[in-house]
Amino acid sequence: MKRHNIESVLGFLDAVRRRDREAATACLHREIVWQGIAPELVCRTPDDVLDVFFDRRDRDIDIDRLELVGTESGAVFAFHRPGTWELAGIEVRGAIYHAAAIEDGRIMRIEDHLDRDEALKAVGA
């Protein structure tokens, strides 16, 4: 199951990379919720989620590496970048860890964390 969850996230990220909105939408549950690191950072539809991912993809943000860890119930992925930056008044160092709950190959929920271990716990690691 871990491998399938990794492949689900890779499929989603590849669709975003290619700007294939239809393929990216197919990777998301229709009732997806993405909770960011601040309470006001929330997306409640596939279109909202994709708007954020495509916007960030279109920015020229320097990324050092991609981290992707599969678990039995989901995966954690993070885009590591140098230095610190601010998001919604919160200082971020290096990466935001996206804990993705996956069911039947579709991402159902994404919950953001500043701590890798917290993100892994959120998806059952």
C-alpha atoms as a PDB file:
ATOM      1  CA  MET A   1       0.000   0.000   0.000  1.00  0.00           C
ATOM      2  CA  LYS A   2       2.865   2.405   0.697  1.00  0.00           C
ATOM      3  CA  ARG A   3       4.029   2.112  -2.893  1.00  0.00           C
ATOM      4  CA  HIS A   4       0.526   2.818  -4.231  1.00  0.00           C
ATOM      5  CA  ASN A   5       0.253   5.908  -2.050  1.00  0.00           C
ATOM      6  CA  ILE A   6       3.634   7.157  -3.257  1.00  0.00           C
ATOM      7  CA  GLU A   7       2.519   6.568  -6.841  1.00  0.00           C
ATOM      8  CA  SER A   8      -0.729   8.470  -6.209  1.00  0.00           C
ATOM      9  CA  VAL A   9       1.170  11.535  -5.015  1.00  0.00           C
ATOM     10  CA  LEU A  10       3.693  11.233  -7.852  1.00  0.00           C
ATOM     11  CA  GLY A  11       0.841  11.098 -10.362  1.00  0.00           C
ATOM     12  CA  PHE A  12      -0.687  14.223  -8.866  1.00  0.00           C
ATOM     13  CA  LEU A  13       2.617  16.109  -8.799  1.00  0.00           C
ATOM     14  CA  ASP A  14       3.407  15.050 -12.363  1.00  0.00           C
ATOM     15  CA  ALA A  15       0.018  16.313 -13.562  1.00  0.00           C
ATOM     16  CA  VAL A  16       0.651  19.641 -11.804  1.00  0.00           C
ATOM     17  CA  ARG A  17       4.149  19.782 -13.330  1.00  0.00           C
ATOM     18  CA  ARG A  18       2.643  19.268 -16.789  1.00  0.00           C
ATOM     19  CA  ARG A  19      -0.172  21.739 -16.020  1.00  0.00           C
ATOM     20  CA  ASP A  20      -2.694  19.004 -16.821  1.00  0.00           C
ATOM     21  CA  ARG A  21      -5.655  20.142 -14.773  1.00  0.00           C
ATOM     22  CA  GLU A  22      -7.860  17.224 -15.825  1.00  0.00           C
ATOM     23  CA  ALA A  23      -5.294  14.604 -14.773  1.00  0.00           C
ATOM     24  CA  ALA A  24      -4.567  16.455 -11.513  1.00  0.00           C
ATOM     25  CA  THR A  25      -8.279  16.652 -10.716  1.00  0.00           C
ATOM     26  CA  ALA A  26      -8.569  12.885 -11.239  1.00  0.00           C
ATOM     27  CA  CYS A  27      -5.990  12.400  -8.444  1.00  0.00           C
ATOM     28  CA  LEU A  28      -8.125  14.283  -5.908  1.00  0.00           C
ATOM     29  CA  HIS A  29     -11.247  13.162  -4.083  1.00  0.00           C
ATOM     30  CA  ARG A  30     -14.184  15.401  -4.996  1.00  0.00           C
ATOM     31  CA  GLU A  31     -14.642  16.349  -1.312  1.00  0.00           C
ATOM     32  CA  ILE A  32     -10.956  17.028  -0.623  1.00  0.00           C
ATOM     33  CA  VAL A  33      -9.985  19.406   2.166  1.00  0.00           C
ATOM     34  CA  TRP A  34      -6.541  20.980   2.373  1.00  0.00           C
ATOM     35  CA  GLN A  35      -5.776  22.536   5.752  1.00  0.00           C
ATOM     36  CA  GLY A  36      -2.769  24.826   5.649  1.00  0.00           C
ATOM     37  CA  ILE A  37      -0.473  25.755   8.517  1.00  0.00           C
ATOM     38  CA  ALA A  38      -2.828  28.549   9.622  1.00  0.00           C
ATOM     39  CA  PRO A  39      -6.580  28.116  10.232  1.00  0.00           C
ATOM     40  CA  GLU A  40      -7.484  30.574   7.477  1.00  0.00           C
ATOM     41  CA  LEU A  41      -5.462  28.613   4.898  1.00  0.00           C
ATOM     42  CA  VAL A  42      -8.025  26.054   3.809  1.00  0.00           C
ATOM     43  CA  CYS A  43      -9.208  24.701   0.455  1.00  0.00           C
ATOM     44  CA  ARG A  44     -12.437  22.737   0.216  1.00  0.00           C
ATOM     45  CA  THR A  45     -12.685  21.789  -3.460  1.00  0.00           C
ATOM     46  CA  PRO A  46     -10.393  20.232  -6.054  1.00  0.00           C
ATOM     47  CA  ASP A  47     -10.426  23.524  -7.995  1.00  0.00           C
ATOM     48  CA  ASP A  48      -9.266  25.472  -4.925  1.00  0.00           C
ATOM     49  CA  VAL A  49      -6.457  22.981  -4.288  1.00  0.00           C
ATOM     50  CA  LEU A  50      -5.337  23.073  -7.903  1.00  0.00           C
ATOM     51  CA  ASP A  51      -5.421  26.874  -8.046  1.00  0.00           C
ATOM     52  CA  VAL A  52      -2.872  26.966  -5.217  1.00  0.00           C
ATOM     53  CA  PHE A  53      -0.655  24.217  -6.631  1.00  0.00           C
ATOM     54  CA  PHE A  54      -0.668  25.719 -10.131  1.00  0.00           C
ATOM     55  CA  ASP A  55       0.025  29.200  -8.769  1.00  0.00           C
ATOM     56  CA  ARG A  56       2.999  27.944  -6.768  1.00  0.00           C
ATOM     57  CA  ARG A  57       4.217  25.899  -9.725  1.00  0.00           C
ATOM     58  CA  ASP A  58       4.150  29.008 -11.926  1.00  0.00           C
ATOM     59  CA  ARG A  59       6.269  31.007  -9.490  1.00  0.00           C
ATOM     60  CA  ASP A  60      10.011  30.699  -9.867  1.00  0.00           C
ATOM     61  CA  ILE A  61      10.608  29.311  -6.355  1.00  0.00           C
ATOM     62  CA  ASP A  62      13.998  27.691  -5.773  1.00  0.00           C
ATOM     63  CA  ILE A  63      13.593  24.093  -4.583  1.00  0.00           C
ATOM     64  CA  ASP A  64      16.496  21.982  -3.281  1.00  0.00           C
ATOM     65  CA  ARG A  65      14.718  18.646  -3.222  1.00  0.00           C
ATOM     66  CA  LEU A  66      11.427  16.825  -3.040  1.00  0.00           C
ATOM     67  CA  GLU A  67      10.774  14.493  -0.125  1.00  0.00           C
ATOM     68  CA  LEU A  68       8.109  11.810  -0.421  1.00  0.00           C
ATOM     69  CA  VAL A  69       7.380   9.147   2.211  1.00  0.00           C
ATOM     70  CA  GLY A  70       4.616   6.590   1.829  1.00  0.00           C
ATOM     71  CA  THR A  71       2.593   5.103   4.668  1.00  0.00           C
ATOM     72  CA  GLU A  72      -0.213   2.561   4.744  1.00  0.00           C
ATOM     73  CA  SER A  73      -2.877   5.296   4.823  1.00  0.00           C
ATOM     74  CA  GLY A  74      -1.244   8.081   2.836  1.00  0.00           C
ATOM     75  CA  ALA A  75       1.973   9.924   2.183  1.00  0.00           C
ATOM     76  CA  VAL A  76       3.961  12.944   3.267  1.00  0.00           C
ATOM     77  CA  PHE A  77       5.544  15.177   0.667  1.00  0.00           C
ATOM     78  CA  ALA A  78       7.590  18.338   1.009  1.00  0.00           C
ATOM     79  CA  PHE A  79       9.339  20.731  -1.325  1.00  0.00           C
ATOM     80  CA  HIS A  80      12.521  21.782   0.457  1.00  0.00           C
ATOM     81  CA  ARG A  81      13.859  25.233  -0.283  1.00  0.00           C
ATOM     82  CA  PRO A  82      16.748  27.226   1.140  1.00  0.00           C
ATOM     83  CA  GLY A  83      16.360  29.712   3.974  1.00  0.00           C
ATOM     84  CA  THR A  84      13.216  30.894   5.656  1.00  0.00           C
ATOM     85  CA  TRP A  85      10.080  32.588   4.408  1.00  0.00           C
ATOM     86  CA  GLU A  86       6.759  33.703   5.824  1.00  0.00           C
ATOM     87  CA  LEU A  87       3.308  32.297   5.130  1.00  0.00           C
ATOM     88  CA  ALA A  88       0.229  33.751   6.842  1.00  0.00           C
ATOM     89  CA  GLY A  89       2.456  35.400   9.439  1.00  0.00           C
ATOM     90  CA  ILE A  90       4.206  32.117  10.280  1.00  0.00           C
ATOM     91  CA  GLU A  91       7.940  31.663   9.745  1.00  0.00           C
ATOM     92  CA  VAL A  92       8.743  28.570   7.690  1.00  0.00           C
ATOM     93  CA  ARG A  93      12.219  27.031   7.696  1.00  0.00           C
ATOM     94  CA  GLY A  94      13.111  24.775   4.808  1.00  0.00           C
ATOM     95  CA  ALA A  95       9.766  23.084   4.061  1.00  0.00           C
ATOM     96  CA  ILE A  96       6.105  22.655   4.779  1.00  0.00           C
ATOM     97  CA  TYR A  97       5.231  18.960   5.129  1.00  0.00           C
ATOM     98  CA  HIS A  98       2.003  17.987   3.369  1.00  0.00           C
ATOM     99  CA  ALA A  99       0.370  14.959   5.033  1.00  0.00           C
ATOM    100  CA  ALA A 100      -1.919  13.443   2.401  1.00  0.00           C
ATOM    101  CA  ALA A 101      -4.613  10.944   3.381  1.00  0.00           C
ATOM    102  CA  ILE A 102      -5.241   8.673   0.398  1.00  0.00           C
ATOM    103  CA  GLU A 103      -8.137   6.336  -0.256  1.00  0.00           C
ATOM    104  CA  ASP A 104      -8.629   4.253  -3.409  1.00  0.00           C
ATOM    105  CA  GLY A 105      -5.735   6.068  -5.082  1.00  0.00           C
ATOM    106  CA  ARG A 106      -7.183   9.555  -4.542  1.00  0.00           C
ATOM    107  CA  ILE A 107      -5.978  12.246  -2.189  1.00  0.00           C
ATOM    108  CA  MET A 108      -8.808  12.885   0.272  1.00  0.00           C
ATOM    109  CA  ARG A 109      -7.203  15.326   2.682  1.00  0.00           C
ATOM    110  CA  ILE A 110      -4.000  17.321   2.906  1.00  0.00           C
ATOM    111  CA  GLU A 111      -2.898  18.643   6.269  1.00  0.00           C
ATOM    112  CA  ASP A 112       0.149  20.908   6.450  1.00  0.00           C
ATOM    113  CA  HIS A 113       2.763  20.744   9.191  1.00  0.00           C
ATOM    114  CA  LEU A 114       5.989  22.561   9.968  1.00  0.00           C
ATOM    115  CA  ASP A 115       7.413  19.431  11.606  1.00  0.00           C
ATOM    116  CA  ARG A 116       8.161  16.286   9.585  1.00  0.00           C
ATOM    117  CA  ASP A 117       7.413  13.889  12.459  1.00  0.00           C
ATOM    118  CA  GLU A 118       4.002  15.498  13.093  1.00  0.00           C
ATOM    119  CA  ALA A 119       3.152  15.120   9.413  1.00  0.00           C
ATOM    120  CA  LEU A 120       4.166  11.462   9.441  1.00  0.00           C
ATOM    121  CA  LYS A 121       2.032  10.822  12.542  1.00  0.00           C
ATOM    122  CA  ALA A 122      -0.920  12.457  10.781  1.00  0.00           C
ATOM    123  CA  VAL A 123      -0.828   9.712   8.129  1.00  0.00           C
ATOM    124  CA  GLY A 124      -0.167   6.830  10.471  1.00  0.00           C
ATOM    125  CA  ALA A 125       3.615   6.485  10.441  1.00  0.00           C
END
